[in-house]
Amino acid sequence: MTIIVKAPAKINLVLDATAKRPDGYHDVHMVMT
């Protein structure tokens, strides 16, 4: 038996965490489809 279900989603093609900011978090650059 085969079940096919469409699941809308965003896919990260590129995920790049850059330098740490003064508030302790990192800037993140993404390319999504």
PDB file of N, CA and C in Angstrom:
ATOM      1  N   MET A   1       0.841  -1.170   0.000  1.00  0.00           N
ATOM      2  CA  MET A   1       0.000   0.000   0.000  1.00  0.00           C
ATOM      3  C   MET A   1       0.893   1.243   0.000  1.00  0.00           C
ATOM      4  N   THR A   2       0.520   2.258  -0.786  1.00  0.00           N
ATOM      5  CA  THR A   2       1.260   3.514  -0.856  1.00  0.00           C
ATOM      6  C   THR A   2       0.350   4.651  -0.430  1.00  0.00           C
ATOM      7  N   ILE A   3       0.861   5.511   0.432  1.00  0.00           N
ATOM      8  CA  ILE A   3       0.117   6.696   0.861  1.00  0.00           C
ATOM      9  C   ILE A   3       0.899   7.920   0.408  1.00  0.00           C
ATOM     10  N   ILE A   4       0.251   8.802  -0.333  1.00  0.00           N
ATOM     11  CA  ILE A   4       0.890  10.039  -0.790  1.00  0.00           C
ATOM     12  C   ILE A   4       0.130  11.208  -0.178  1.00  0.00           C
ATOM     13  N   VAL A   5       0.857  12.050   0.553  1.00  0.00           N
ATOM     14  CA  VAL A   5       0.249  13.200   1.215  1.00  0.00           C
ATOM     15  C   VAL A   5       1.064  14.434   0.875  1.00  0.00           C
ATOM     16  N   LYS A   6       0.396  15.492   0.420  1.00  0.00           N
ATOM     17  CA  LYS A   6       1.095  16.753   0.171  1.00  0.00           C
ATOM     18  C   LYS A   6       1.283  17.468   1.501  1.00  0.00           C
ATOM     19  N   ALA A   7       2.510  17.889   1.762  1.00  0.00           N
ATOM     20  CA  ALA A   7       2.817  18.597   3.000  1.00  0.00           C
ATOM     21  C   ALA A   7       3.550  19.887   2.657  1.00  0.00           C
ATOM     22  N   PRO A   8       2.829  21.011   2.590  1.00  0.00           N
ATOM     23  CA  PRO A   8       3.489  22.271   2.274  1.00  0.00           C
ATOM     24  C   PRO A   8       4.558  22.590   3.322  1.00  0.00           C
ATOM     25  N   ALA A   9       5.734  22.929   2.859  1.00  0.00           N
ATOM     26  CA  ALA A   9       6.824  23.228   3.781  1.00  0.00           C
ATOM     27  C   ALA A   9       7.843  24.124   3.107  1.00  0.00           C
ATOM     28  N   LYS A  10       8.624  24.799   3.922  1.00  0.00           N
ATOM     29  CA  LYS A  10       9.747  25.585   3.419  1.00  0.00           C
ATOM     30  C   LYS A  10      10.996  24.736   3.607  1.00  0.00           C
ATOM     31  N   ILE A  11      11.852  24.738   2.608  1.00  0.00           N
ATOM     32  CA  ILE A  11      13.086  23.958   2.671  1.00  0.00           C
ATOM     33  C   ILE A  11      14.266  24.918   2.627  1.00  0.00           C
ATOM     34  N   ASN A  12      15.162  24.806   3.614  1.00  0.00           N
ATOM     35  CA  ASN A  12      16.366  25.630   3.635  1.00  0.00           C
ATOM     36  C   ASN A  12      17.397  25.040   2.682  1.00  0.00           C
ATOM     37  N   LEU A  13      17.707  25.777   1.614  1.00  0.00           N
ATOM     38  CA  LEU A  13      18.767  25.350   0.708  1.00  0.00           C
ATOM     39  C   LEU A  13      20.123  25.745   1.271  1.00  0.00           C
ATOM     40  N   VAL A  14      20.164  26.912   1.925  1.00  0.00           N
ATOM     41  CA  VAL A  14      21.394  27.412   2.541  1.00  0.00           C
ATOM     42  C   VAL A  14      21.032  27.968   3.907  1.00  0.00           C
ATOM     43  N   LEU A  15      21.795  27.619   4.911  1.00  0.00           N
ATOM     44  CA  LEU A  15      21.610  28.156   6.256  1.00  0.00           C
ATOM     45  C   LEU A  15      22.988  28.509   6.789  1.00  0.00           C
ATOM     46  N   ASP A  16      23.225  29.806   6.997  1.00  0.00           N
ATOM     47  CA  ASP A  16      24.550  30.279   7.386  1.00  0.00           C
ATOM     48  C   ASP A  16      24.434  31.143   8.635  1.00  0.00           C
ATOM     49  N   ALA A  17      24.965  30.673   9.751  1.00  0.00           N
ATOM     50  CA  ALA A  17      25.001  31.470  10.982  1.00  0.00           C
ATOM     51  C   ALA A  17      26.296  32.268  10.968  1.00  0.00           C
ATOM     52  N   THR A  18      26.155  33.583  10.997  1.00  0.00           N
ATOM     53  CA  THR A  18      27.328  34.460  10.910  1.00  0.00           C
ATOM     54  C   THR A  18      27.783  34.873  12.304  1.00  0.00           C
ATOM     55  N   ALA A  19      28.524  35.944  12.379  1.00  0.00           N
ATOM     56  CA  ALA A  19      29.137  36.383  13.634  1.00  0.00           C
ATOM     57  C   ALA A  19      28.104  36.624  14.742  1.00  0.00           C
ATOM     58  N   LYS A  20      28.564  36.487  15.966  1.00  0.00           N
ATOM     59  CA  LYS A  20      27.708  36.693  17.134  1.00  0.00           C
ATOM     60  C   LYS A  20      27.458  38.191  17.332  1.00  0.00           C
ATOM     61  N   ARG A  21      26.211  38.546  17.607  1.00  0.00           N
ATOM     62  CA  ARG A  21      25.836  39.940  17.831  1.00  0.00           C
ATOM     63  C   ARG A  21      26.066  40.308  19.295  1.00  0.00           C
ATOM     64  N   PRO A  22      26.058  41.612  19.606  1.00  0.00           N
ATOM     65  CA  PRO A  22      26.255  42.039  21.004  1.00  0.00           C
ATOM     66  C   PRO A  22      25.190  41.493  21.964  1.00  0.00           C
ATOM     67  N   ASP A  23      23.990  41.172  21.455  1.00  0.00           N
ATOM     68  CA  ASP A  23      22.933  40.649  22.328  1.00  0.00           C
ATOM     69  C   ASP A  23      23.057  39.143  22.569  1.00  0.00           C
ATOM     70  N   GLY A  24      24.102  38.514  22.030  1.00  0.00           N
ATOM     71  CA  GLY A  24      24.344  37.092  22.273  1.00  0.00           C
ATOM     72  C   GLY A  24      23.800  36.163  21.206  1.00  0.00           C
ATOM     73  N   TYR A  25      22.966  36.683  20.307  1.00  0.00           N
ATOM     74  CA  TYR A  25      22.416  35.874  19.223  1.00  0.00           C
ATOM     75  C   TYR A  25      23.307  35.969  17.991  1.00  0.00           C
ATOM     76  N   HIS A  26      23.086  35.071  17.035  1.00  0.00           N
ATOM     77  CA  HIS A  26      23.810  35.112  15.771  1.00  0.00           C
ATOM     78  C   HIS A  26      22.879  35.599  14.668  1.00  0.00           C
ATOM     79  N   ASP A  27      23.433  36.320  13.691  1.00  0.00           N
ATOM     80  CA  ASP A  27      22.678  36.633  12.486  1.00  0.00           C
ATOM     81  C   ASP A  27      22.626  35.366  11.649  1.00  0.00           C
ATOM     82  N   VAL A  28      21.484  35.117  11.032  1.00  0.00           N
ATOM     83  CA  VAL A  28      21.314  33.924  10.213  1.00  0.00           C
ATOM     84  C   VAL A  28      20.876  34.347   8.820  1.00  0.00           C
ATOM     85  N   HIS A  29      21.578  33.861   7.811  1.00  0.00           N
ATOM     86  CA  HIS A  29      21.226  34.126   6.420  1.00  0.00           C
ATOM     87  C   HIS A  29      20.708  32.824   5.830  1.00  0.00           C
ATOM     88  N   MET A  30      19.526  32.895   5.179  1.00  0.00           N
ATOM     89  CA  MET A  30      18.893  31.690   4.653  1.00  0.00           C
ATOM     90  C   MET A  30      18.467  31.887   3.207  1.00  0.00           C
ATOM     91  N   VAL A  31      18.495  30.798   2.455  1.00  0.00           N
ATOM     92  CA  VAL A  31      17.886  30.739   1.131  1.00  0.00           C
ATOM     93  C   VAL A  31      16.858  29.623   1.211  1.00  0.00           C
ATOM     94  N   MET A  32      15.574  29.986   1.002  1.00  0.00           N
ATOM     95  CA  MET A  32      14.498  29.000   1.138  1.00  0.00           C
ATOM     96  C   MET A  32      13.710  28.878  -0.154  1.00  0.00           C
ATOM     97  N   THR A  33      13.083  27.724  -0.312  1.00  0.00           N
ATOM     98  CA  THR A  33      12.185  27.529  -1.446  1.00  0.00           C
ATOM     99  C   THR A  33      10.763  27.567  -0.947  1.00  0.00           C
TER     100      THR A  33
END
